[in-house]
Amino acid sequence: MTAQPPTGLPPRPADVDTGFWLWLAALPLMLIGQFADAYAAAEAADSFFVFTTTAVLTILIGGVVLTFLLLLRSGYRWTRTLLTAGGTATIIYTLMSLFGTTRPPVAAVTYAVTGIVGSVLIGGGIVALHRADSTRFFTR
C-alpha cells in the first residue's frame, strides 16, 4: 500500500466556487467586448494592425486570467490578490471607456452590454472571494 500525502487544505467553500463561476462567466463577455472595441478602433484608424495586435493581447490576457482562475480553486492566495486587483482595474477601465469613447452603434451596444454585465459578474466574484469562508480557504 502506498500512503497518500496529506493535502492539508480545508474543503473548498461554496463562496470560492461561486466566485470562480462568476469570473468564468465574465471572462468571455469581457473578451467579446474587447474584440468589439478593437474592431471599432481598427475601423476608425483604418488599420488591420490595430485589430490584430489588440486581439493577440486580449487572447493572451484571457489565458492568463483563466490560468489564475484554475489556480484559485487550489487555494492560492496570490491568485485571489491578482484577480482582485485586475478585476478592480477592469471595472474602472470599462466604466471610463463606456463614457469616454465614441463607437459605431453596434460596437457601442456590444461593448456596453458585455462590459456592464461582465463588470457586475467580476464585482460579485471579488466579493464572494473575500468572504470569511473563502479567506480561510486561501492558505497557499
Foldseek 3Di string as FASTA:
>chain_A
DDDDDDLPFDPADPLLVLLLVLLVVLLVLQLQLQLLVQVQVCVVVVHPVSNVVSNVVSVVVSVVLVVLSVVVSSQAPVSLVVLLVVLVVLLVVLVCCLPPDDGPPVSNVSNVVSNVSSNVSSVSSNVSCPDPSNVSRRDD
